[in-house]
Amino acid sequence: MTSFSERCIAALAKEMALRRLQPIQFELVRGKHEVYEYAKVVQRDLLVELYVYTDEAGCTLNERDWKIFEKWDFSDDNDLIRSFVAYVIKVLTTGPGIKEEHRGWLDSLIKPQTS
């Protein structure tokens, strides 16, 4: 693990603990061209996959929607890490947003009103 990936995963773990969310277990993946940390979180109908590389991070939702946090889009590593952590926490606590492909996930949270 690099300093960036260690700091990124530690920041996410800290925020998860503060919110009393289940810890996320990352595993080291040695790909053909790169090494990265990977974690998978399943919540109802939502599959969240997290990727932390040597200098960037990313997230996929249900193997379709890819959100990347690349170093040149941020003022520094800390800004990138803060944004990645905030995005992951938002997805895990409030959902990915109301996109048509995620309506099933949102509907699973809404309980019908009973009289």
C-alpha atoms as a PDB file:
ATOM      1  CA  MET A   1       0.000   0.000   0.000  1.00  0.00           C
ATOM      2  CA  THR A   2       1.135   3.518  -0.718  1.00  0.00           C
ATOM      3  CA  SER A   3       0.899   6.463   1.610  1.00  0.00           C
ATOM      4  CA  PHE A   4      -2.062   7.745  -0.430  1.00  0.00           C
ATOM      5  CA  SER A   5      -3.981   4.476  -0.314  1.00  0.00           C
ATOM      6  CA  GLU A   6      -3.264   4.046   3.401  1.00  0.00           C
ATOM      7  CA  ARG A   7      -4.496   7.568   4.166  1.00  0.00           C
ATOM      8  CA  CYS A   8      -7.549   7.153   1.948  1.00  0.00           C
ATOM      9  CA  ILE A   9      -8.606   3.848   3.508  1.00  0.00           C
ATOM     10  CA  ALA A  10      -7.881   5.154   7.025  1.00  0.00           C
ATOM     11  CA  ALA A  11      -9.983   8.282   6.407  1.00  0.00           C
ATOM     12  CA  LEU A  12     -12.871   6.162   5.144  1.00  0.00           C
ATOM     13  CA  ALA A  13     -12.575   3.779   8.109  1.00  0.00           C
ATOM     14  CA  LYS A  14     -12.593   6.713  10.542  1.00  0.00           C
ATOM     15  CA  GLU A  15     -15.705   8.238   8.981  1.00  0.00           C
ATOM     16  CA  MET A  16     -17.463   4.861   8.905  1.00  0.00           C
ATOM     17  CA  ALA A  17     -16.705   4.368  12.616  1.00  0.00           C
ATOM     18  CA  LEU A  18     -17.923   7.869  13.504  1.00  0.00           C
ATOM     19  CA  ARG A  19     -21.228   7.070  11.809  1.00  0.00           C
ATOM     20  CA  ARG A  20     -21.365   3.597  13.384  1.00  0.00           C
ATOM     21  CA  LEU A  21     -21.380   1.930   9.978  1.00  0.00           C
ATOM     22  CA  GLN A  22     -20.001  -1.543   9.367  1.00  0.00           C
ATOM     23  CA  PRO A  23     -16.255  -1.453   8.660  1.00  0.00           C
ATOM     24  CA  ILE A  24     -15.197  -2.034   5.072  1.00  0.00           C
ATOM     25  CA  GLN A  25     -12.552  -4.674   4.446  1.00  0.00           C
ATOM     26  CA  PHE A  26     -10.199  -3.894   1.568  1.00  0.00           C
ATOM     27  CA  GLU A  27      -8.056  -6.509  -0.106  1.00  0.00           C
ATOM     28  CA  LEU A  28      -4.891  -5.964  -2.103  1.00  0.00           C
ATOM     29  CA  VAL A  29      -5.268  -6.839  -5.782  1.00  0.00           C
ATOM     30  CA  ARG A  30      -2.235  -7.367  -7.976  1.00  0.00           C
ATOM     31  CA  GLY A  31      -3.433  -6.809 -11.511  1.00  0.00           C
ATOM     32  CA  LYS A  32      -1.483  -7.256 -14.705  1.00  0.00           C
ATOM     33  CA  HIS A  33      -0.626  -3.545 -14.891  1.00  0.00           C
ATOM     34  CA  GLU A  34      -1.243  -2.153 -11.410  1.00  0.00           C
ATOM     35  CA  VAL A  35      -1.746  -2.895  -7.741  1.00  0.00           C
ATOM     36  CA  TYR A  36      -4.768  -1.502  -5.923  1.00  0.00           C
ATOM     37  CA  GLU A  37      -7.018  -1.956  -2.907  1.00  0.00           C
ATOM     38  CA  TYR A  38     -10.526  -3.297  -3.546  1.00  0.00           C
ATOM     39  CA  ALA A  39     -13.647  -3.614  -1.394  1.00  0.00           C
ATOM     40  CA  LYS A  40     -17.212  -4.674  -2.081  1.00  0.00           C
ATOM     41  CA  VAL A  41     -20.255  -3.569  -0.089  1.00  0.00           C
ATOM     42  CA  VAL A  42     -23.742  -4.950  -0.751  1.00  0.00           C
ATOM     43  CA  GLN A  43     -26.764  -3.087   0.574  1.00  0.00           C
ATOM     44  CA  ARG A  44     -30.174  -4.364  -0.486  1.00  0.00           C
ATOM     45  CA  ASP A  45     -30.203  -4.035  -4.291  1.00  0.00           C
ATOM     46  CA  LEU A  46     -27.086  -1.862  -4.406  1.00  0.00           C
ATOM     47  CA  LEU A  47     -23.603  -3.211  -5.075  1.00  0.00           C
ATOM     48  CA  VAL A  48     -20.869  -0.697  -4.223  1.00  0.00           C
ATOM     49  CA  GLU A  49     -17.319  -1.517  -5.341  1.00  0.00           C
ATOM     50  CA  LEU A  50     -14.456   0.638  -4.102  1.00  0.00           C
ATOM     51  CA  TYR A  51     -11.031   0.945  -5.707  1.00  0.00           C
ATOM     52  CA  VAL A  52      -8.078   2.772  -4.165  1.00  0.00           C
ATOM     53  CA  TYR A  53      -4.982   3.099  -6.340  1.00  0.00           C
ATOM     54  CA  THR A  54      -1.582   4.665  -5.640  1.00  0.00           C
ATOM     55  CA  ASP A  55      -2.819   8.200  -6.396  1.00  0.00           C
ATOM     56  CA  GLU A  56      -6.560   8.040  -7.094  1.00  0.00           C
ATOM     57  CA  ALA A  57      -9.758   6.300  -6.034  1.00  0.00           C
ATOM     58  CA  GLY A  58     -12.985   5.182  -7.640  1.00  0.00           C
ATOM     59  CA  CYS A  59     -16.374   3.672  -7.000  1.00  0.00           C
ATOM     60  CA  THR A  60     -18.843   1.672  -9.095  1.00  0.00           C
ATOM     61  CA  LEU A  61     -22.527   1.242  -8.347  1.00  0.00           C
ATOM     62  CA  ASN A  62     -24.202  -1.958  -9.520  1.00  0.00           C
ATOM     63  CA  GLU A  63     -21.305  -2.614 -11.898  1.00  0.00           C
ATOM     64  CA  ARG A  64     -22.442   0.296 -14.107  1.00  0.00           C
ATOM     65  CA  ASP A  65     -21.979   3.777 -12.738  1.00  0.00           C
ATOM     66  CA  TRP A  66     -18.289   4.633 -12.360  1.00  0.00           C
ATOM     67  CA  LYS A  67     -17.170   7.648 -10.327  1.00  0.00           C
ATOM     68  CA  ILE A  68     -13.455   8.366 -10.415  1.00  0.00           C
ATOM     69  CA  PHE A  69     -11.489  10.699  -8.164  1.00  0.00           C
ATOM     70  CA  GLU A  70      -8.302  11.593 -10.066  1.00  0.00           C
ATOM     71  CA  LYS A  71      -5.446  13.676  -8.696  1.00  0.00           C
ATOM     72  CA  TRP A  72      -5.537  16.384 -11.375  1.00  0.00           C
ATOM     73  CA  ASP A  73      -9.175  17.181 -10.509  1.00  0.00           C
ATOM     74  CA  PHE A  74      -8.291  18.199  -6.939  1.00  0.00           C
ATOM     75  CA  SER A  75      -6.014  20.749  -5.299  1.00  0.00           C
ATOM     76  CA  ASP A  76      -4.144  18.045  -3.364  1.00  0.00           C
ATOM     77  CA  ASP A  77      -4.378  14.473  -2.062  1.00  0.00           C
ATOM     78  CA  ASN A  78      -6.273  15.540   1.043  1.00  0.00           C
ATOM     79  CA  ASP A  79      -8.968  17.228  -1.052  1.00  0.00           C
ATOM     80  CA  LEU A  80      -9.295  14.092  -3.200  1.00  0.00           C
ATOM     81  CA  ILE A  81      -9.531  11.851  -0.133  1.00  0.00           C
ATOM     82  CA  ARG A  82     -12.148  14.103   1.500  1.00  0.00           C
ATOM     83  CA  SER A  83     -14.258  14.055  -1.664  1.00  0.00           C
ATOM     84  CA  PHE A  84     -13.972  10.284  -2.110  1.00  0.00           C
ATOM     85  CA  VAL A  85     -14.865   9.601   1.525  1.00  0.00           C
ATOM     86  CA  ALA A  86     -17.815  12.030   1.397  1.00  0.00           C
ATOM     87  CA  TYR A  87     -19.115  10.376  -1.782  1.00  0.00           C
ATOM     88  CA  VAL A  88     -18.834   6.846  -0.363  1.00  0.00           C
ATOM     89  CA  ILE A  89     -20.539   7.874   2.882  1.00  0.00           C
ATOM     90  CA  LYS A  90     -23.340   9.571   0.925  1.00  0.00           C
ATOM     91  CA  VAL A  91     -23.894   6.487  -1.209  1.00  0.00           C
ATOM     92  CA  LEU A  92     -23.880   4.150   1.791  1.00  0.00           C
ATOM     93  CA  THR A  93     -26.152   6.302   3.955  1.00  0.00           C
ATOM     94  CA  THR A  94     -28.558   7.985   1.537  1.00  0.00           C
ATOM     95  CA  GLY A  95     -28.190   6.028  -1.676  1.00  0.00           C
ATOM     96  CA  PRO A  96     -26.727   6.855  -5.056  1.00  0.00           C
ATOM     97  CA  GLY A  97     -29.306   9.473  -6.027  1.00  0.00           C
ATOM     98  CA  ILE A  98     -32.572   9.040  -7.809  1.00  0.00           C
ATOM     99  CA  LYS A  99     -31.526   7.734 -11.192  1.00  0.00           C
ATOM    100  CA  GLU A 100     -33.918   5.491 -13.056  1.00  0.00           C
ATOM    101  CA  GLU A 101     -31.591   2.501 -12.819  1.00  0.00           C
ATOM    102  CA  HIS A 102     -31.486   2.841  -9.017  1.00  0.00           C
ATOM    103  CA  ARG A 103     -35.226   3.216  -8.378  1.00  0.00           C
ATOM    104  CA  GLY A 104     -35.470  -0.381  -7.135  1.00  0.00           C
ATOM    105  CA  TRP A 105     -32.950   0.415  -4.422  1.00  0.00           C
ATOM    106  CA  LEU A 106     -34.836   3.568  -3.425  1.00  0.00           C
ATOM    107  CA  ASP A 107     -38.210   1.797  -3.484  1.00  0.00           C
ATOM    108  CA  SER A 108     -36.831  -0.894  -1.179  1.00  0.00           C
ATOM    109  CA  LEU A 109     -36.261   1.803   1.461  1.00  0.00           C
ATOM    110  CA  ILE A 110     -39.770   3.244   1.327  1.00  0.00           C
ATOM    111  CA  LYS A 111     -42.225   1.398   3.504  1.00  0.00           C
ATOM    112  CA  PRO A 112     -45.898   1.588   2.527  1.00  0.00           C
ATOM    113  CA  GLN A 113     -48.079   3.661   4.842  1.00  0.00           C
ATOM    114  CA  THR A 114     -50.623   1.681   6.834  1.00  0.00           C
ATOM    115  CA  SER A 115     -53.685   3.187   8.495  1.00  0.00           C
END
